[in-house]
C-alpha atoms as a PDB file:
ATOM      1  CA  UNK A   1     203.103 -31.986-212.818  1.00  0.00           C
ATOM      2  CA  UNK A   2     202.037 -33.434-209.524  1.00  0.00           C
ATOM      3  CA  UNK A   3     204.857 -31.560-207.817  1.00  0.00           C
ATOM      4  CA  UNK A   4     208.246 -30.119-208.693  1.00  0.00           C
ATOM      5  CA  UNK A   5     210.027 -33.166-207.292  1.00  0.00           C
ATOM      6  CA  UNK A   6     210.231 -35.079-210.384  1.00  0.00           C
ATOM      7  CA  UNK A   7     212.347 -33.390-212.940  1.00  0.00           C
ATOM      8  CA  UNK A   8     215.775 -34.680-213.770  1.00  0.00           C
ATOM      9  CA  UNK A   9     218.594 -32.140-213.764  1.00  0.00           C
ATOM     10  CA  UNK A  10     219.394 -30.425-217.002  1.00  0.00           C
ATOM     11  CA  UNK A  11     218.046 -28.585-219.966  1.00  0.00           C
ATOM     12  CA  UNK A  12     215.244 -29.497-222.273  1.00  0.00           C
ATOM     13  CA  UNK A  13     213.872 -28.320-225.571  1.00  0.00           C
ATOM     14  CA  UNK A  14     211.802 -31.110-227.086  1.00  0.00           C
ATOM     15  CA  UNK A  15     208.219 -31.251-228.223  1.00  0.00           C
ATOM     16  CA  UNK A  16     207.712 -33.969-225.667  1.00  0.00           C
ATOM     17  CA  UNK A  17     208.525 -31.625-222.800  1.00  0.00           C
ATOM     18  CA  UNK A  18     212.031 -32.562-221.728  1.00  0.00           C
ATOM     19  CA  UNK A  19     213.171 -31.771-218.208  1.00  0.00           C
ATOM     20  CA  UNK A  20     214.628 -28.629-216.804  1.00  0.00           C
ATOM     21  CA  UNK A  21     216.540 -27.362-213.861  1.00  0.00           C
ATOM     22  CA  UNK A  22     217.825 -29.481-211.052  1.00  0.00           C
ATOM     23  CA  UNK A  23     214.558 -30.849-209.804  1.00  0.00           C
ATOM     24  CA  UNK A  24     213.261 -34.354-210.371  1.00  0.00           C
ATOM     25  CA  UNK A  25     210.893 -35.784-212.870  1.00  0.00           C
ATOM     26  CA  UNK A  26     211.443 -34.664-216.420  1.00  0.00           C
ATOM     27  CA  UNK A  27     213.934 -36.920-218.058  1.00  0.00           C
ATOM     28  CA  UNK A  28     214.160 -37.087-221.832  1.00  0.00           C
ATOM     29  CA  UNK A  29     213.088 -39.948-223.954  1.00  0.00           C
ATOM     30  CA  UNK A  30     215.299 -41.275-226.698  1.00  0.00           C
ATOM     31  CA  UNK A  31     215.107 -43.829-229.428  1.00  0.00           C
ATOM     32  CA  UNK A  32     211.565 -44.298-230.703  1.00  0.00           C
ATOM     33  CA  UNK A  33     209.248 -41.450-229.971  1.00  0.00           C
ATOM     34  CA  UNK A  34     205.694 -42.191-229.018  1.00  0.00           C
ATOM     35  CA  UNK A  35     203.441 -42.635-231.958  1.00  0.00           C
ATOM     36  CA  UNK A  36     206.076 -44.627-233.723  1.00  0.00           C
ATOM     37  CA  UNK A  37     208.596 -42.161-235.054  1.00  0.00           C
ATOM     38  CA  UNK A  38     212.183 -43.295-234.486  1.00  0.00           C
ATOM     39  CA  UNK A  39     214.446 -40.699-232.981  1.00  0.00           C
ATOM     40  CA  UNK A  40     211.807 -38.159-231.963  1.00  0.00           C
ATOM     41  CA  UNK A  41     208.579 -36.667-233.173  1.00  0.00           C
ATOM     42  CA  UNK A  42     208.853 -35.995-236.844  1.00  0.00           C
ATOM     43  CA  UNK A  43     206.614 -35.599-239.813  1.00  0.00           C
ATOM     44  CA  UNK A  44     206.368 -38.653-241.983  1.00  0.00           C
ATOM     45  CA  UNK A  45     206.556 -38.548-245.720  1.00  0.00           C
ATOM     46  CA  UNK A  46     208.835 -36.577-247.974  1.00  0.00           C
ATOM     47  CA  UNK A  47     208.929 -33.651-250.344  1.00  0.00           C
ATOM     48  CA  UNK A  48     206.698 -34.275-253.296  1.00  0.00           C
ATOM     49  CA  UNK A  49     208.063 -34.810-256.749  1.00  0.00           C
ATOM     50  CA  UNK A  50     205.832 -34.650-259.766  1.00  0.00           C
ATOM     51  CA  UNK A  51     206.647 -36.052-263.160  1.00  0.00           C
ATOM     52  CA  UNK A  52     210.374 -36.053-262.479  1.00  0.00           C
ATOM     53  CA  UNK A  53     210.358 -32.256-262.162  1.00  0.00           C
ATOM     54  CA  UNK A  54     211.106 -30.142-259.132  1.00  0.00           C
ATOM     55  CA  UNK A  55     208.180 -28.169-257.809  1.00  0.00           C
ATOM     56  CA  UNK A  56     208.684 -24.544-256.832  1.00  0.00           C
ATOM     57  CA  UNK A  57     207.492 -22.935-253.606  1.00  0.00           C
ATOM     58  CA  UNK A  58     204.392 -21.705-255.414  1.00  0.00           C
ATOM     59  CA  UNK A  59     203.532 -25.227-256.516  1.00  0.00           C
ATOM     60  CA  UNK A  60     204.529 -24.702-260.156  1.00  0.00           C
ATOM     61  CA  UNK A  61     207.093 -26.833-261.898  1.00  0.00           C
ATOM     62  CA  UNK A  62     210.508 -25.224-262.192  1.00  0.00           C
ATOM     63  CA  UNK A  63     211.051 -27.068-265.451  1.00  0.00           C
ATOM     64  CA  UNK A  64     214.211 -28.734-264.160  1.00  0.00           C
ATOM     65  CA  UNK A  65     214.374 -32.492-264.196  1.00  0.00           C
ATOM     66  CA  UNK A  66     215.285 -34.305-261.020  1.00  0.00           C
ATOM     67  CA  UNK A  67     218.351 -36.437-261.597  1.00  0.00           C
ATOM     68  CA  UNK A  68     218.412 -39.423-259.274  1.00  0.00           C
ATOM     69  CA  UNK A  69     221.562 -41.311-258.432  1.00  0.00           C
ATOM     70  CA  UNK A  70     221.239 -45.071-258.073  1.00  0.00           C
ATOM     71  CA  UNK A  71     220.920 -44.625-254.302  1.00  0.00           C
ATOM     72  CA  UNK A  72     218.330 -41.842-254.319  1.00  0.00           C
ATOM     73  CA  UNK A  73     216.347 -43.687-256.976  1.00  0.00           C
ATOM     74  CA  UNK A  74     216.210 -46.741-254.740  1.00  0.00           C
ATOM     75  CA  UNK A  75     215.079 -44.613-251.810  1.00  0.00           C
ATOM     76  CA  UNK A  76     212.339 -42.992-253.862  1.00  0.00           C
ATOM     77  CA  UNK A  77     211.165 -46.360-255.163  1.00  0.00           C
ATOM     78  CA  UNK A  78     211.023 -47.689-251.606  1.00  0.00           C
ATOM     79  CA  UNK A  79     208.957 -44.688-250.523  1.00  0.00           C
ATOM     80  CA  UNK A  80     206.511 -45.250-253.338  1.00  0.00           C
ATOM     81  CA  UNK A  81     206.300 -48.949-252.506  1.00  0.00           C
ATOM     82  CA  UNK A  82     205.579 -48.210-248.847  1.00  0.00           C
ATOM     83  CA  UNK A  83     202.920 -45.707-249.871  1.00  0.00           C
ATOM     84  CA  UNK A  84     201.284 -48.294-252.122  1.00  0.00           C
ATOM     85  CA  UNK A  85     201.471 -50.976-249.425  1.00  0.00           C
ATOM     86  CA  UNK A  86     199.759 -48.918-246.744  1.00  0.00           C
ATOM     87  CA  UNK A  87     196.476 -50.112-245.357  1.00  0.00           C
ATOM     88  CA  UNK A  88     193.422 -48.655-247.059  1.00  0.00           C
ATOM     89  CA  UNK A  89     191.345 -48.525-243.851  1.00  0.00           C
ATOM     90  CA  UNK A  90     193.437 -45.900-242.042  1.00  0.00           C
ATOM     91  CA  UNK A  91     191.563 -42.843-240.862  1.00  0.00           C
ATOM     92  CA  UNK A  92     192.364 -39.613-239.088  1.00  0.00           C
ATOM     93  CA  UNK A  93     195.852 -39.240-237.650  1.00  0.00           C
ATOM     94  CA  UNK A  94     196.552 -42.927-238.304  1.00  0.00           C
ATOM     95  CA  UNK A  95     197.584 -42.026-241.833  1.00  0.00           C
ATOM     96  CA  UNK A  96     200.695 -40.354-240.407  1.00  0.00           C
ATOM     97  CA  UNK A  97     201.944 -43.431-238.572  1.00  0.00           C
ATOM     98  CA  UNK A  98     204.958 -45.130-240.169  1.00  0.00           C
ATOM     99  CA  UNK A  99     204.527 -48.576-241.692  1.00  0.00           C
ATOM    100  CA  UNK A 100     206.573 -50.369-239.044  1.00  0.00           C
ATOM    101  CA  UNK A 101     204.234 -49.107-236.301  1.00  0.00           C
ATOM    102  CA  UNK A 102     201.192 -50.132-238.300  1.00  0.00           C
ATOM    103  CA  UNK A 103     202.614 -53.586-239.006  1.00  0.00           C
ATOM    104  CA  UNK A 104     203.673 -54.173-235.406  1.00  0.00           C
ATOM    105  CA  UNK A 105     200.265 -53.250-234.052  1.00  0.00           C
ATOM    106  CA  UNK A 106     198.493 -55.397-236.638  1.00  0.00           C
ATOM    107  CA  UNK A 107     200.536 -58.428-235.565  1.00  0.00           C
ATOM    108  CA  UNK A 108     199.340 -58.277-231.958  1.00  0.00           C
ATOM    109  CA  UNK A 109     195.777 -57.069-232.456  1.00  0.00           C
ATOM    110  CA  UNK A 110     192.539 -58.784-233.458  1.00  0.00           C
ATOM    111  CA  UNK A 111     191.864 -57.992-237.131  1.00  0.00           C
ATOM    112  CA  UNK A 112     188.588 -56.183-236.510  1.00  0.00           C
ATOM    113  CA  UNK A 113     190.276 -53.920-233.954  1.00  0.00           C
ATOM    114  CA  UNK A 114     193.331 -52.907-235.962  1.00  0.00           C
ATOM    115  CA  UNK A 115     191.861 -49.907-237.811  1.00  0.00           C
ATOM    116  CA  UNK A 116     190.238 -48.233-234.759  1.00  0.00           C
ATOM    117  CA  UNK A 117     193.330 -48.963-232.641  1.00  0.00           C
ATOM    118  CA  UNK A 118     195.555 -47.276-235.222  1.00  0.00           C
ATOM    119  CA  UNK A 119     193.213 -44.299-235.426  1.00  0.00           C
ATOM    120  CA  UNK A 120     193.380 -43.898-231.628  1.00  0.00           C
ATOM    121  CA  UNK A 121     197.153 -44.347-231.573  1.00  0.00           C
ATOM    122  CA  UNK A 122     197.567 -41.783-234.344  1.00  0.00           C
ATOM    123  CA  UNK A 123     195.466 -39.285-232.373  1.00  0.00           C
ATOM    124  CA  UNK A 124     197.485 -39.982-229.207  1.00  0.00           C
ATOM    125  CA  UNK A 125     200.766 -39.541-231.047  1.00  0.00           C
ATOM    126  CA  UNK A 126     199.633 -36.268-232.573  1.00  0.00           C
ATOM    127  CA  UNK A 127     198.450 -34.940-229.201  1.00  0.00           C
ATOM    128  CA  UNK A 128     201.737 -35.929-227.575  1.00  0.00           C
ATOM    129  CA  UNK A 129     203.773 -34.172-230.260  1.00  0.00           C
ATOM    130  CA  UNK A 130     201.717 -31.004-229.731  1.00  0.00           C
ATOM    131  CA  UNK A 131     202.128 -31.130-225.948  1.00  0.00           C
ATOM    132  CA  UNK A 132     198.473 -31.981-225.261  1.00  0.00           C
ATOM    133  CA  UNK A 133     199.309 -34.667-222.757  1.00  0.00           C
ATOM    134  CA  UNK A 134     195.849 -35.236-221.283  1.00  0.00           C
ATOM    135  CA  UNK A 135     194.446 -35.862-224.753  1.00  0.00           C
ATOM    136  CA  UNK A 136     197.390 -38.117-225.507  1.00  0.00           C
ATOM    137  CA  UNK A 137     196.581 -40.244-222.461  1.00  0.00           C
ATOM    138  CA  UNK A 138     192.881 -40.292-223.330  1.00  0.00           C
ATOM    139  CA  UNK A 139     193.449 -41.454-226.910  1.00  0.00           C
ATOM    140  CA  UNK A 140     196.223 -43.788-225.780  1.00  0.00           C
ATOM    141  CA  UNK A 141     193.936 -45.500-223.297  1.00  0.00           C
ATOM    142  CA  UNK A 142     191.399 -45.969-226.078  1.00  0.00           C
ATOM    143  CA  UNK A 143     194.106 -47.574-228.224  1.00  0.00           C
ATOM    144  CA  UNK A 144     195.188 -49.746-225.295  1.00  0.00           C
ATOM    145  CA  UNK A 145     191.648 -51.067-224.829  1.00  0.00           C
ATOM    146  CA  UNK A 146     191.758 -52.233-228.448  1.00  0.00           C
ATOM    147  CA  UNK A 147     195.407 -53.312-228.576  1.00  0.00           C
ATOM    148  CA  UNK A 148     196.838 -53.912-225.077  1.00  0.00           C
ATOM    149  CA  UNK A 149     199.856 -55.836-226.347  1.00  0.00           C
ATOM    150  CA  UNK A 150     201.276 -53.164-228.650  1.00  0.00           C
ATOM    151  CA  UNK A 151     204.464 -51.621-227.285  1.00  0.00           C
ATOM    152  CA  UNK A 152     204.055 -48.243-229.008  1.00  0.00           C
ATOM    153  CA  UNK A 153     200.610 -47.773-227.477  1.00  0.00           C
ATOM    154  CA  UNK A 154     202.009 -48.415-224.003  1.00  0.00           C
ATOM    155  CA  UNK A 155     205.001 -46.148-224.679  1.00  0.00           C
ATOM    156  CA  UNK A 156     202.758 -43.288-225.786  1.00  0.00           C
ATOM    157  CA  UNK A 157     200.600 -43.456-222.673  1.00  0.00           C
ATOM    158  CA  UNK A 158     203.660 -43.731-220.452  1.00  0.00           C
ATOM    159  CA  UNK A 159     205.407 -40.647-221.816  1.00  0.00           C
ATOM    160  CA  UNK A 160     202.244 -38.536-221.792  1.00  0.00           C
ATOM    161  CA  UNK A 161     201.457 -39.575-218.198  1.00  0.00           C
ATOM    162  CA  UNK A 162     205.043 -38.741-217.239  1.00  0.00           C
ATOM    163  CA  UNK A 163     204.675 -35.223-218.626  1.00  0.00           C
ATOM    164  CA  UNK A 164     201.531 -34.852-216.531  1.00  0.00           C
ATOM    165  CA  UNK A 165     203.284 -36.009-213.358  1.00  0.00           C
ATOM    166  CA  UNK A 166     201.116 -39.123-213.106  1.00  0.00           C
ATOM    167  CA  UNK A 167     204.002 -41.241-211.834  1.00  0.00           C
ATOM    168  CA  UNK A 168     202.057 -44.453-211.201  1.00  0.00           C
ATOM    169  CA  UNK A 169     200.527 -44.642-214.680  1.00  0.00           C
ATOM    170  CA  UNK A 170     203.761 -43.579-216.345  1.00  0.00           C
ATOM    171  CA  UNK A 171     205.842 -46.182-214.527  1.00  0.00           C
ATOM    172  CA  UNK A 172     203.406 -49.012-215.230  1.00  0.00           C
ATOM    173  CA  UNK A 173     203.147 -48.182-218.912  1.00  0.00           C
ATOM    174  CA  UNK A 174     206.872 -47.619-219.490  1.00  0.00           C
ATOM    175  CA  UNK A 175     207.709 -50.863-217.725  1.00  0.00           C
ATOM    176  CA  UNK A 176     205.194 -52.604-219.987  1.00  0.00           C
ATOM    177  CA  UNK A 177     206.852 -50.974-222.993  1.00  0.00           C
ATOM    178  CA  UNK A 178     210.291 -52.143-221.867  1.00  0.00           C
ATOM    179  CA  UNK A 179     209.029 -55.675-221.366  1.00  0.00           C
ATOM    180  CA  UNK A 180     207.320 -55.798-224.772  1.00  0.00           C
ATOM    181  CA  UNK A 181     209.977 -53.974-226.814  1.00  0.00           C
ATOM    182  CA  UNK A 182     212.985 -55.375-224.958  1.00  0.00           C
ATOM    183  CA  UNK A 183     214.618 -51.934-224.988  1.00  0.00           C
ATOM    184  CA  UNK A 184     216.174 -49.674-222.332  1.00  0.00           C
ATOM    185  CA  UNK A 185     215.131 -46.515-224.193  1.00  0.00           C
ATOM    186  CA  UNK A 186     213.003 -45.110-221.379  1.00  0.00           C
ATOM    187  CA  UNK A 187     214.745 -46.689-218.402  1.00  0.00           C
ATOM    188  CA  UNK A 188     216.180 -43.271-217.396  1.00  0.00           C
ATOM    189  CA  UNK A 189     212.620 -41.955-217.218  1.00  0.00           C
ATOM    190  CA  UNK A 190     211.678 -44.908-215.012  1.00  0.00           C
ATOM    191  CA  UNK A 191     214.623 -43.984-212.786  1.00  0.00           C
ATOM    192  CA  UNK A 192     213.453 -40.378-212.640  1.00  0.00           C
ATOM    193  CA  UNK A 193     209.953 -41.433-211.606  1.00  0.00           C
ATOM    194  CA  UNK A 194     211.347 -43.712-208.896  1.00  0.00           C
ATOM    195  CA  UNK A 195     213.506 -40.802-207.764  1.00  0.00           C
ATOM    196  CA  UNK A 196     210.427 -38.578-207.525  1.00  0.00           C
ATOM    197  CA  UNK A 197     208.674 -41.283-205.507  1.00  0.00           C
ATOM    198  CA  UNK A 198     211.717 -41.533-203.212  1.00  0.00           C
ATOM    199  CA  UNK A 199     212.053 -45.247-203.898  1.00  0.00           C
ATOM    200  CA  UNK A 200     215.800 -45.305-203.365  1.00  0.00           C
ATOM    201  CA  UNK A 201     216.333 -49.061-203.593  1.00  0.00           C
ATOM    202  CA  UNK A 202     214.454 -49.177-206.894  1.00  0.00           C
ATOM    203  CA  UNK A 203     216.500 -46.273-208.302  1.00  0.00           C
ATOM    204  CA  UNK A 204     219.667 -48.212-207.496  1.00  0.00           C
ATOM    205  CA  UNK A 205     218.232 -51.359-209.075  1.00  0.00           C
ATOM    206  CA  UNK A 206     217.214 -49.511-212.252  1.00  0.00           C
ATOM    207  CA  UNK A 207     220.661 -47.902-212.542  1.00  0.00           C
ATOM    208  CA  UNK A 208     222.331 -51.307-212.204  1.00  0.00           C
ATOM    209  CA  UNK A 209     220.068 -52.697-214.907  1.00  0.00           C
ATOM    210  CA  UNK A 210     220.838 -49.823-217.256  1.00  0.00           C
ATOM    211  CA  UNK A 211     224.578 -50.290-216.775  1.00  0.00           C
ATOM    212  CA  UNK A 212     224.220 -54.028-217.347  1.00  0.00           C
ATOM    213  CA  UNK A 213     222.016 -53.852-220.432  1.00  0.00           C
ATOM    214  CA  UNK A 214     223.393 -50.649-221.944  1.00  0.00           C
ATOM    215  CA  UNK A 215     221.689 -48.639-224.644  1.00  0.00           C
ATOM    216  CA  UNK A 216     222.028 -45.751-227.077  1.00  0.00           C
ATOM    217  CA  UNK A 217     224.627 -43.172-226.068  1.00  0.00           C
ATOM    218  CA  UNK A 218     221.941 -40.576-225.340  1.00  0.00           C
ATOM    219  CA  UNK A 219     220.082 -43.061-223.159  1.00  0.00           C
ATOM    220  CA  UNK A 220     223.219 -43.776-221.147  1.00  0.00           C
ATOM    221  CA  UNK A 221     223.925 -40.033-220.857  1.00  0.00           C
ATOM    222  CA  UNK A 222     220.448 -39.357-219.521  1.00  0.00           C
ATOM    223  CA  UNK A 223     220.674 -42.266-217.115  1.00  0.00           C
ATOM    224  CA  UNK A 224     223.920 -40.797-215.812  1.00  0.00           C
ATOM    225  CA  UNK A 225     222.273 -37.375-215.406  1.00  0.00           C
ATOM    226  CA  UNK A 226     219.343 -38.827-213.470  1.00  0.00           C
ATOM    227  CA  UNK A 227     221.447 -41.058-211.250  1.00  0.00           C
ATOM    228  CA  UNK A 228     223.986 -38.304-210.553  1.00  0.00           C
ATOM    229  CA  UNK A 229     221.165 -35.959-209.552  1.00  0.00           C
ATOM    230  CA  UNK A 230     219.731 -38.646-207.304  1.00  0.00           C
ATOM    231  CA  UNK A 231     223.102 -39.057-205.565  1.00  0.00           C
ATOM    232  CA  UNK A 232     223.337 -35.298-205.017  1.00  0.00           C
ATOM    233  CA  UNK A 233     219.836 -35.311-203.529  1.00  0.00           C
ATOM    234  CA  UNK A 234     221.088 -37.874-201.035  1.00  0.00           C
ATOM    235  CA  UNK A 235     224.174 -35.865-200.111  1.00  0.00           C
ATOM    236  CA  UNK A 236     226.489 -38.352-201.822  1.00  0.00           C
ATOM    237  CA  UNK A 237     228.528 -35.745-203.724  1.00  0.00           C
ATOM    238  CA  UNK A 238     231.728 -37.792-204.042  1.00  0.00           C
ATOM    239  CA  UNK A 239     229.831 -40.700-205.602  1.00  0.00           C
ATOM    240  CA  UNK A 240     227.951 -38.285-207.867  1.00  0.00           C
ATOM    241  CA  UNK A 241     231.216 -36.779-209.107  1.00  0.00           C
ATOM    242  CA  UNK A 242     232.617 -40.202-209.949  1.00  0.00           C
ATOM    243  CA  UNK A 243     229.486 -40.972-211.957  1.00  0.00           C
ATOM    244  CA  UNK A 244     229.083 -37.690-213.859  1.00  0.00           C
ATOM    245  CA  UNK A 245     232.680 -36.497-214.295  1.00  0.00           C
ATOM    246  CA  UNK A 246     232.926 -36.104-218.108  1.00  0.00           C
ATOM    247  CA  UNK A 247     236.734 -36.055-218.107  1.00  0.00           C
ATOM    248  CA  UNK A 248     236.861 -33.145-220.545  1.00  0.00           C
ATOM    249  CA  UNK A 249     234.712 -30.322-221.862  1.00  0.00           C
ATOM    250  CA  UNK A 250     233.689 -30.447-225.522  1.00  0.00           C
ATOM    251  CA  UNK A 251     234.522 -27.475-227.720  1.00  0.00           C
ATOM    252  CA  UNK A 252     231.000 -27.478-229.195  1.00  0.00           C
ATOM    253  CA  UNK A 253     228.774 -29.139-226.588  1.00  0.00           C
ATOM    254  CA  UNK A 254     225.308 -30.360-227.509  1.00  0.00           C
ATOM    255  CA  UNK A 255     222.297 -30.508-225.198  1.00  0.00           C
ATOM    256  CA  UNK A 256     223.254 -33.905-223.797  1.00  0.00           C
ATOM    257  CA  UNK A 257     226.717 -32.573-222.917  1.00  0.00           C
ATOM    258  CA  UNK A 258     225.223 -29.528-221.204  1.00  0.00           C
ATOM    259  CA  UNK A 259     222.890 -31.640-219.111  1.00  0.00           C
ATOM    260  CA  UNK A 260     225.831 -33.718-217.937  1.00  0.00           C
ATOM    261  CA  UNK A 261     227.942 -30.613-217.286  1.00  0.00           C
ATOM    262  CA  UNK A 262     225.136 -29.165-215.191  1.00  0.00           C
ATOM    263  CA  UNK A 263     225.123 -32.125-212.801  1.00  0.00           C
ATOM    264  CA  UNK A 264     228.934 -32.296-212.853  1.00  0.00           C
ATOM    265  CA  UNK A 265     229.069 -28.611-211.941  1.00  0.00           C
ATOM    266  CA  UNK A 266     226.686 -29.161-209.056  1.00  0.00           C
ATOM    267  CA  UNK A 267     228.747 -32.109-207.842  1.00  0.00           C
ATOM    268  CA  UNK A 268     231.954 -30.054-207.995  1.00  0.00           C
ATOM    269  CA  UNK A 269     230.267 -27.208-206.112  1.00  0.00           C
ATOM    270  CA  UNK A 270     229.024 -29.627-203.448  1.00  0.00           C
ATOM    271  CA  UNK A 271     232.620 -30.781-203.006  1.00  0.00           C
ATOM    272  CA  UNK A 272     233.825 -27.190-202.653  1.00  0.00           C
ATOM    273  CA  UNK A 273     235.725 -27.142-205.964  1.00  0.00           C
ATOM    274  CA  UNK A 274     234.719 -23.680-207.153  1.00  0.00           C
ATOM    275  CA  UNK A 275     237.130 -23.543-210.091  1.00  0.00           C
ATOM    276  CA  UNK A 276     235.884 -26.758-211.669  1.00  0.00           C
ATOM    277  CA  UNK A 277     232.238 -25.910-211.029  1.00  0.00           C
ATOM    278  CA  UNK A 278     232.757 -22.482-212.622  1.00  0.00           C
ATOM    279  CA  UNK A 279     234.255 -24.055-215.763  1.00  0.00           C
ATOM    280  CA  UNK A 280     231.128 -26.125-216.241  1.00  0.00           C
ATOM    281  CA  UNK A 281     228.848 -23.173-215.508  1.00  0.00           C
ATOM    282  CA  UNK A 282     230.654 -20.885-217.965  1.00  0.00           C
ATOM    283  CA  UNK A 283     230.527 -23.557-220.671  1.00  0.00           C
ATOM    284  CA  UNK A 284     226.784 -23.963-220.174  1.00  0.00           C
ATOM    285  CA  UNK A 285     225.903 -20.275-220.323  1.00  0.00           C
ATOM    286  CA  UNK A 286     228.090 -19.671-223.379  1.00  0.00           C
ATOM    287  CA  UNK A 287     226.452 -22.552-225.246  1.00  0.00           C
ATOM    288  CA  UNK A 288     222.901 -21.864-224.039  1.00  0.00           C
ATOM    289  CA  UNK A 289     222.235 -18.619-222.114  1.00  0.00           C
ATOM    290  CA  UNK A 290     218.678 -19.775-221.412  1.00  0.00           C
ATOM    291  CA  UNK A 291     219.639 -23.128-219.915  1.00  0.00           C
ATOM    292  CA  UNK A 292     217.079 -23.875-217.150  1.00  0.00           C
ATOM    293  CA  UNK A 293     218.710 -24.301-213.767  1.00  0.00           C
ATOM    294  CA  UNK A 294     221.860 -22.343-214.579  1.00  0.00           C
ATOM    295  CA  UNK A 295     220.996 -19.773-211.899  1.00  0.00           C
ATOM    296  CA  UNK A 296     220.776 -22.593-209.363  1.00  0.00           C
ATOM    297  CA  UNK A 297     224.269 -23.762-210.277  1.00  0.00           C
ATOM    298  CA  UNK A 298     225.624 -20.209-210.035  1.00  0.00           C
ATOM    299  CA  UNK A 299     224.027 -19.828-206.618  1.00  0.00           C
ATOM    300  CA  UNK A 300     225.651 -23.029-205.396  1.00  0.00           C
ATOM    301  CA  UNK A 301     229.017 -21.848-206.713  1.00  0.00           C
ATOM    302  CA  UNK A 302     228.623 -18.442-205.044  1.00  0.00           C
ATOM    303  CA  UNK A 303     227.892 -20.165-201.740  1.00  0.00           C
ATOM    304  CA  UNK A 304     231.328 -21.808-201.852  1.00  0.00           C
ATOM    305  CA  UNK A 305     233.091 -18.460-201.828  1.00  0.00           C
ATOM    306  CA  UNK A 306     230.682 -17.013-199.278  1.00  0.00           C
ATOM    307  CA  UNK A 307     229.181 -14.651-201.845  1.00  0.00           C
ATOM    308  CA  UNK A 308     225.586 -15.773-201.431  1.00  0.00           C
END
C-alpha cells in the first residue's frame, strides 16, 4: 500500500485482500470477481463423474450409480455442453475462465488477439486470486493491450492496483469497468480511493451516485461503511450515525454486518454514547475475536469514560 490512509473501516478475509481496521483504502469488491468468476474467486468446473458411478477419494469407483433428478440431469448436461463448446485455442490459465468471460472478450476483441488476450487475462486472474497483485497488474496490462474494451480485463487491473495502493491506476481502471459493464459493483472501492486521495467533493458525488443507482445488498453495505468512515474522518459524527445506524443487531451477524457495526460503534463513541458503542463492540468480538480494528474501537470507547 502506498500509505495506511486508504483502507475502509471494517474486517476482511477474502483472497482479494479485503480491508481492515478503521483506516482508508481497502474496501471489498462484490459481484463479479476479477478474472470472471461471479461472486468471488472460485474454482471453475465440478466434481467429476465417470460412467454414471461415483468416484471414491482414492479415484476408484464406489460401484454406486449416480441417480440424477430431472434438475440435476439438466445441470450436468449443460456443464457437458459448455465443456464441449469451449474454444480449442485456450492455453495456460485461460482454460479456467468461465464461458461468459471468454465470450464477452471475444465479442470486443480482434479475432487474432482473442487467444493471447484470454491467456493473459487467465494469468492475471490467477495471480489476483493468489494475492500476487504485481503479477496480476502485469498480466492484466498485457491483456489490456490486446483487448482494451473488455470490462473484465479492466476490472482485474483495477482491483489488483487497488490492493497495491496504486490509487490512480485503480481509479482509472475501475471507472472504465463501470462504464463498460454498467454496474455499481466496485463504486464503493472508487469511493474509498477518493477518500484516500482526500477528494471530498468526489466522495460525496460517488455516494450520491451509488444511492441513486443502487446495487447488490453487499455493495450498498460496503458503500455505507466507506461513506460513514469518511464522515467520521471529517468530524461529522452525527451525520455518520444517521448513515450507518443499523437499527438492530443481528443474532448471527455475518462479515458485512460486523463491518457496519464497527463504523456504527465508532460513530456512537464519537457522540459520547458509551452504552451503544459497547453493544456494537461486544457483538463484534463475540462473532469474530480477531476482527481487525476492534482494539481501536475499544480505545475510543474507553476514552469516553476517561479510562484511556
